[in-house]
Amino acid sequence: MLSRVADSIYWINRYVERAENVARFVDVNLNLLLDSPGLQQWEPLVVTTGDQALFKQRYGEATAENVLRFLTFDKDYPNSILSCLQAARENARSVREIISSEMWEQVNAFYLMVKEAAEAGSLSDLHIFFPEVKLSSHLFAGVMDATMAHNEGWHFGLLGRLLERADKTARILDVKYYILLPSVSDVGSPLDDLQWIALLKSASAYEMYRKCQYRITPDGVTEFLILNREFPRSIQFCVLQAEKSLRQITGTPSGTWRMPSDRTIGRLRAELDYVTIDEIVNQGLHEFLDGLQIRLNQVGEAIYKDFFSLQSA
């Protein structure tokens, strides 16, 4: 497969998944505000994107309106929902002869829906808009799985989706860490429980978590979202499945590492196989998540060097 085509399919899925996860990301705070109206914390959302300097330069104060506009409709911010969908659509346009027509139609309809909402300019209907973003992302993933041959191209798309999802699950957990910073005294309180429940719901994990465990505990939620091997949005599940797709692309048998991307994702998968929740807590949740995001970025960089940088060679 041409590196240009593989790159586009990989990034279509990363951008669609990113848009969905930004919606989930903001939904954490919106859900918290419904249960605790006095808890107005918007700056943590900007801090955990890693784009705080850009936000400060463009908007200044981290008010609800400024943060929502920045993350949702800012066409000049490359990680806003609008920008992600625009980039996904342009990538899809460039490989229309490779992807299925149903995939193109879905990503195009998704983009037009977000563009229309951005042009309306209203932030009052976001409680409706964000579920629509999540549903449209699910539709795209389902359409791709049902209408595209499960060949190299499909595996590149799945690889992009899973790596993006793992990164954003880590960032959603990090939002909880930052929200707790000003109010450590609330740990273990009813407010704390509401926050963990809101976090689980934002990752569509609440029902599956309750089927596994009865009590909502910080360690239980953290372990579920990081180390569960069966829940599709847990970090370990995403890394395991991404490694399988990478092996399908490279043709590398299990236990044999040849390319740098194989080795990089293999080391990360092995670390997640053996780390325990107690070790994560002792290290510090934020420190562990920060290191994990760096490792996921290294996987992405290795994949780029192994496959996509060839287009400029």
Protein backbone atom coordinates (compact mmCIF):
# COMPACT_ATOMS: atom_id res chain seq x y z
CA MET A 1 0.00 0.00 0.00
CA LEU A 2 1.25 3.51 -0.84
CA SER A 3 2.46 5.36 2.25
CA ARG A 4 0.31 8.37 1.22
CA VAL A 5 -2.84 6.24 1.25
CA ALA A 6 -1.95 4.51 4.52
CA ASP A 7 -1.21 7.88 6.11
CA SER A 8 -4.58 9.32 5.06
CA ILE A 9 -6.60 6.34 6.30
CA TYR A 10 -4.67 6.36 9.59
CA TRP A 11 -5.37 10.07 10.09
CA ILE A 12 -9.02 9.94 9.05
CA ASN A 13 -9.58 7.61 11.98
CA ARG A 14 -7.37 9.54 14.39
CA TYR A 15 -9.20 12.79 13.63
CA VAL A 16 -12.68 11.26 13.89
CA GLU A 17 -11.75 9.57 17.16
CA ARG A 18 -10.17 12.81 18.41
CA ALA A 19 -13.35 14.76 17.69
CA GLU A 20 -15.38 12.16 19.59
CA ASN A 21 -13.00 12.22 22.53
CA VAL A 22 -12.91 16.01 22.73
CA ALA A 23 -16.71 15.80 23.03
CA ARG A 24 -16.29 13.24 25.82
CA PHE A 25 -13.55 15.34 27.38
CA VAL A 26 -15.80 18.40 27.70
CA ASP A 27 -18.71 16.20 28.70
CA VAL A 28 -16.83 15.30 31.90
CA ASN A 29 -17.16 18.88 33.07
CA LEU A 30 -20.72 19.38 31.83
CA ASN A 31 -21.86 16.25 33.67
CA LEU A 32 -20.10 17.40 36.83
CA LEU A 33 -21.82 20.78 36.63
CA LEU A 34 -25.24 19.12 36.46
CA ASP A 35 -24.56 17.32 39.75
CA SER A 36 -22.59 20.11 41.44
CA PRO A 37 -23.42 23.54 39.96
CA GLY A 38 -20.98 25.28 42.29
CA LEU A 39 -18.01 23.40 40.82
CA GLN A 40 -16.86 25.72 38.03
CA GLN A 41 -13.51 24.42 36.79
CA TRP A 42 -12.75 24.93 33.11
CA GLU A 43 -9.03 25.56 33.09
CA PRO A 44 -8.17 21.88 33.78
CA LEU A 45 -9.66 20.98 30.39
CA VAL A 46 -7.25 23.35 28.67
CA VAL A 47 -4.27 22.29 30.79
CA THR A 48 -4.72 18.62 29.95
CA THR A 49 -4.87 19.31 26.20
CA GLY A 50 -1.29 20.55 26.37
CA ASP A 51 -2.36 23.72 24.52
CA GLN A 52 -2.69 26.07 27.49
CA ALA A 53 -0.24 28.63 26.07
CA LEU A 54 -2.19 28.90 22.81
CA PHE A 55 -5.46 29.25 24.69
CA LYS A 56 -4.07 32.00 26.95
CA GLN A 57 -2.74 33.86 23.93
CA ARG A 58 -6.06 33.74 22.09
CA TYR A 59 -8.69 33.82 24.82
CA GLY A 60 -7.08 34.84 28.09
CA GLU A 61 -9.40 33.81 30.92
CA ALA A 62 -10.62 30.20 31.10
CA THR A 63 -14.35 30.91 31.28
CA ALA A 64 -16.95 28.32 30.30
CA GLU A 65 -17.72 30.12 27.03
CA ASN A 66 -14.06 30.58 26.07
CA VAL A 67 -13.08 26.97 26.78
CA LEU A 68 -16.16 25.55 25.03
CA ARG A 69 -15.59 27.69 21.95
CA PHE A 70 -11.87 26.86 21.86
CA LEU A 71 -12.37 23.09 22.10
CA THR A 72 -15.48 22.86 19.95
CA PHE A 73 -15.70 25.41 17.13
CA ASP A 74 -12.36 27.24 16.90
CA LYS A 75 -11.34 26.77 13.26
CA ASP A 76 -7.81 28.05 14.01
CA TYR A 77 -7.20 25.53 16.79
CA PRO A 78 -6.11 22.27 15.10
CA ASN A 79 -7.54 20.02 17.83
CA SER A 80 -11.02 21.52 18.04
CA ILE A 81 -13.91 19.30 16.97
CA LEU A 82 -14.50 21.45 13.88
CA SER A 83 -10.83 21.36 12.82
CA CYS A 84 -10.60 17.60 13.38
CA LEU A 85 -13.61 16.92 11.19
CA GLN A 86 -12.36 19.25 8.48
CA ALA A 87 -8.99 17.44 8.47
CA ALA A 88 -10.71 14.02 8.45
CA ARG A 89 -12.85 15.06 5.49
CA GLU A 90 -9.85 16.34 3.51
CA ASN A 91 -7.97 13.09 4.14
CA ALA A 92 -11.03 11.10 3.08
CA ARG A 93 -11.35 13.16 -0.08
CA SER A 94 -7.76 12.35 -1.03
CA VAL A 95 -8.36 8.57 -0.87
CA ARG A 96 -11.96 8.34 -2.09
CA GLU A 97 -10.92 5.69 -4.61
CA ILE A 98 -9.60 3.48 -1.78
CA ILE A 99 -12.19 3.83 0.98
CA SER A 100 -15.82 2.80 0.52
CA SER A 101 -18.38 5.32 -0.70
CA GLU A 102 -20.29 4.79 2.56
CA MET A 103 -17.23 5.87 4.55
CA TRP A 104 -16.92 9.05 2.52
CA GLU A 105 -20.63 9.82 2.88
CA GLN A 106 -20.52 9.36 6.66
CA VAL A 107 -17.42 11.48 7.28
CA ASN A 108 -18.80 14.17 4.94
CA ALA A 109 -22.17 14.20 6.73
CA PHE A 110 -20.37 14.31 10.07
CA TYR A 111 -18.33 17.34 8.99
CA LEU A 112 -21.37 19.17 7.62
CA MET A 113 -23.26 18.60 10.88
CA VAL A 114 -20.40 20.11 12.92
CA LYS A 115 -19.92 22.96 10.41
CA GLU A 116 -23.59 23.85 10.62
CA ALA A 117 -23.44 23.91 14.42
CA ALA A 118 -20.31 26.09 14.29
CA GLU A 119 -21.98 28.56 11.92
CA ALA A 120 -24.99 28.78 14.23
CA GLY A 121 -22.53 29.90 16.89
CA SER A 122 -24.71 28.92 19.83
CA LEU A 123 -23.23 27.19 22.87
CA SER A 124 -26.60 26.60 24.51
CA ASP A 125 -27.34 23.29 22.76
CA LEU A 126 -24.05 21.54 23.46
CA HIS A 127 -25.82 18.98 25.66
CA ILE A 128 -27.44 17.82 22.39
CA PHE A 129 -24.45 18.47 20.13
CA PHE A 130 -21.89 16.36 22.01
CA PRO A 131 -24.00 13.15 21.96
CA GLU A 132 -24.48 13.71 18.21
CA VAL A 133 -20.70 13.95 17.77
CA LYS A 134 -20.19 10.71 19.68
CA LEU A 135 -22.91 8.91 17.72
CA SER A 136 -21.54 10.13 14.38
CA SER A 137 -18.09 8.84 15.32
CA HIS A 138 -19.56 5.45 16.23
CA LEU A 139 -21.40 5.38 12.91
CA PHE A 140 -18.19 6.06 11.01
CA ALA A 141 -16.35 3.27 12.85
CA GLY A 142 -19.22 0.86 12.18
CA VAL A 143 -19.44 1.82 8.51
CA MET A 144 -15.69 1.34 8.06
CA ASP A 145 -15.77 -2.07 9.74
CA ALA A 146 -18.78 -3.19 7.68
CA THR A 147 -17.90 -1.83 4.22
CA MET A 148 -14.09 -1.79 3.91
CA ALA A 149 -12.01 -4.89 3.21
CA HIS A 150 -10.11 -5.83 6.37
CA ASN A 151 -6.75 -5.48 4.66
CA GLU A 152 -3.73 -3.27 5.35
CA GLY A 153 -5.73 -0.08 4.88
CA TRP A 154 -8.34 -1.15 7.41
CA HIS A 155 -5.62 -2.08 9.93
CA PHE A 156 -3.96 1.34 9.50
CA GLY A 157 -7.33 2.96 10.21
CA LEU A 158 -7.91 0.78 13.28
CA LEU A 159 -4.37 1.51 14.49
CA GLY A 160 -5.00 5.26 14.31
CA ARG A 161 -8.35 4.96 16.09
CA LEU A 162 -6.97 2.86 18.95
CA LEU A 163 -3.88 4.96 19.61
CA GLU A 164 -5.97 8.13 19.67
CA ARG A 165 -8.49 6.52 22.02
CA ALA A 166 -5.81 5.33 24.45
CA ASP A 167 -4.30 8.83 24.58
CA LYS A 168 -7.65 10.50 25.21
CA THR A 169 -8.69 8.00 27.89
CA ALA A 170 -5.49 8.94 29.71
CA ARG A 171 -6.32 12.64 29.31
CA ILE A 172 -9.90 12.17 30.55
CA LEU A 173 -8.49 10.52 33.69
CA ASP A 174 -6.07 13.40 34.02
CA VAL A 175 -8.99 15.87 34.05
CA LYS A 176 -10.17 14.22 37.26
CA TYR A 177 -6.71 14.63 38.76
CA TYR A 178 -6.65 18.36 38.02
CA ILE A 179 -10.21 18.88 39.27
CA LEU A 180 -9.24 17.29 42.58
CA LEU A 181 -6.20 19.49 43.11
CA PRO A 182 -8.02 22.48 44.67
CA SER A 183 -10.17 20.30 46.91
CA VAL A 184 -8.25 17.31 48.27
CA SER A 185 -10.51 17.42 51.31
CA ASP A 186 -13.37 16.22 49.08
CA VAL A 187 -11.69 12.86 48.44
CA GLY A 188 -14.06 10.09 49.51
CA SER A 189 -17.03 12.45 49.84
CA PRO A 190 -20.36 12.20 47.95
CA LEU A 191 -19.05 14.93 45.63
CA ASP A 192 -16.00 12.80 44.89
CA ASP A 193 -18.25 9.83 44.03
CA LEU A 194 -20.29 12.02 41.68
CA GLN A 195 -17.12 13.08 39.90
CA TRP A 196 -15.94 9.50 39.36
CA ILE A 197 -19.39 8.49 38.11
CA ALA A 198 -19.41 11.43 35.68
CA LEU A 199 -15.97 10.40 34.46
CA LEU A 200 -17.11 6.82 33.85
CA LYS A 201 -20.18 8.04 31.97
CA SER A 202 -18.07 10.33 29.81
CA ALA A 203 -16.10 7.27 28.69
CA SER A 204 -19.30 5.21 28.21
CA ALA A 205 -17.87 2.99 30.93
CA TYR A 206 -20.33 3.36 33.81
CA GLU A 207 -22.58 0.38 33.02
CA MET A 208 -19.70 -1.96 32.18
CA TYR A 209 -17.85 -0.91 35.33
CA ARG A 210 -20.89 -1.62 37.52
CA LYS A 211 -21.21 -5.07 35.96
CA CYS A 212 -17.64 -5.78 37.09
CA GLN A 213 -17.62 -4.00 40.45
CA TYR A 214 -20.32 -2.86 42.83
CA ARG A 215 -18.62 0.08 44.56
CA ILE A 216 -17.32 3.23 42.90
CA THR A 217 -13.77 3.69 44.18
CA PRO A 218 -10.90 5.75 42.75
CA ASP A 219 -8.63 2.71 42.49
CA GLY A 220 -11.40 0.62 40.93
CA VAL A 221 -12.25 3.21 38.28
CA THR A 222 -8.59 3.90 37.51
CA GLU A 223 -7.78 0.19 37.18
CA PHE A 224 -10.81 -0.36 34.93
CA LEU A 225 -9.96 2.48 32.53
CA ILE A 226 -6.24 1.70 32.39
CA LEU A 227 -5.80 -2.05 32.82
CA ASN A 228 -9.04 -3.80 31.82
CA ARG A 229 -8.30 -6.14 28.91
CA GLU A 230 -11.90 -6.45 27.70
CA PHE A 231 -13.43 -2.95 27.80
CA PRO A 232 -12.95 -1.25 24.37
CA ARG A 233 -12.04 2.17 25.79
CA SER A 234 -9.51 1.01 28.36
CA ILE A 235 -5.90 1.89 27.62
CA GLN A 236 -4.65 -1.69 27.83
CA PHE A 237 -7.35 -2.96 25.46
CA CYS A 238 -6.45 -0.26 22.93
CA VAL A 239 -2.73 -1.03 23.10
CA LEU A 240 -3.31 -4.79 22.79
CA GLN A 241 -5.53 -4.40 19.72
CA ALA A 242 -3.25 -1.78 18.16
CA GLU A 243 -0.32 -4.15 18.50
CA LYS A 244 -2.32 -6.89 16.74
CA SER A 245 -3.14 -4.56 13.84
CA LEU A 246 0.49 -3.49 13.57
CA ARG A 247 1.56 -7.14 13.39
CA GLN A 248 -0.95 -7.70 10.57
CA ILE A 249 0.55 -4.76 8.68
CA THR A 250 4.19 -5.77 9.18
CA GLY A 251 3.64 -9.52 8.99
CA THR A 252 5.65 -9.90 12.18
CA PRO A 253 4.90 -13.14 14.07
CA SER A 254 4.11 -12.96 17.77
CA GLY A 255 7.27 -12.77 19.86
CA THR A 256 9.43 -11.54 16.96
CA TRP A 257 10.25 -7.82 16.72
CA ARG A 258 11.77 -6.36 13.59
CA MET A 259 10.67 -2.77 13.06
CA PRO A 260 11.07 0.10 15.57
CA SER A 261 7.28 0.52 15.78
CA ASP A 262 6.96 -3.19 16.66
CA ARG A 263 9.46 -2.82 19.48
CA THR A 264 8.03 0.45 20.77
CA ILE A 265 4.44 -0.76 21.06
CA GLY A 266 5.62 -4.16 22.31
CA ARG A 267 7.48 -2.58 25.23
CA LEU A 268 4.45 -0.49 26.13
CA ARG A 269 2.13 -3.51 25.95
CA ALA A 270 4.50 -5.55 28.14
CA GLU A 271 4.67 -2.77 30.73
CA LEU A 272 0.87 -2.59 30.90
CA ASP A 273 0.72 -6.39 31.18
CA TYR A 274 2.70 -6.37 34.41
CA VAL A 275 2.00 -3.05 36.12
CA THR A 276 -0.48 -3.15 39.01
CA ILE A 277 -2.91 -0.52 40.26
CA ASP A 278 -0.91 -0.29 43.51
CA GLU A 279 2.23 0.56 41.54
CA ILE A 280 0.33 3.21 39.58
CA VAL A 281 -1.04 4.79 42.78
CA ASN A 282 2.39 4.71 44.46
CA GLN A 283 3.99 6.38 41.45
CA GLY A 284 1.19 8.95 41.31
CA LEU A 285 -1.72 8.82 38.87
CA HIS A 286 -0.78 12.05 37.11
CA GLU A 287 2.86 11.03 36.76
CA PHE A 288 1.88 7.61 35.39
CA LEU A 289 -0.59 9.11 32.90
CA ASP A 290 1.92 11.74 31.83
CA GLY A 291 4.51 9.05 31.13
CA LEU A 292 1.93 6.94 29.34
CA GLN A 293 1.02 9.80 27.00
CA ILE A 294 4.72 10.25 26.17
CA ARG A 295 5.01 6.53 25.38
CA LEU A 296 1.93 6.65 23.14
CA ASN A 297 3.43 9.62 21.30
CA GLN A 298 6.62 7.59 20.81
CA VAL A 299 4.57 4.78 19.27
CA GLY A 300 2.97 7.27 16.88
CA GLU A 301 6.38 8.70 15.94
CA ALA A 302 7.78 5.21 15.28
CA ILE A 303 4.81 4.36 13.05
CA TYR A 304 5.35 7.59 11.12
CA LYS A 305 9.05 6.81 10.57
CA ASP A 306 8.40 3.19 9.60
CA PHE A 307 5.55 3.83 7.17
CA PHE A 308 4.55 7.39 6.39
CA SER A 309 7.82 9.30 6.09
CA LEU A 310 8.51 7.19 3.00
CA GLN A 311 6.27 9.49 1.02
CA SER A 312 8.90 12.23 1.21
CA ALA A 313 11.79 9.88 0.46
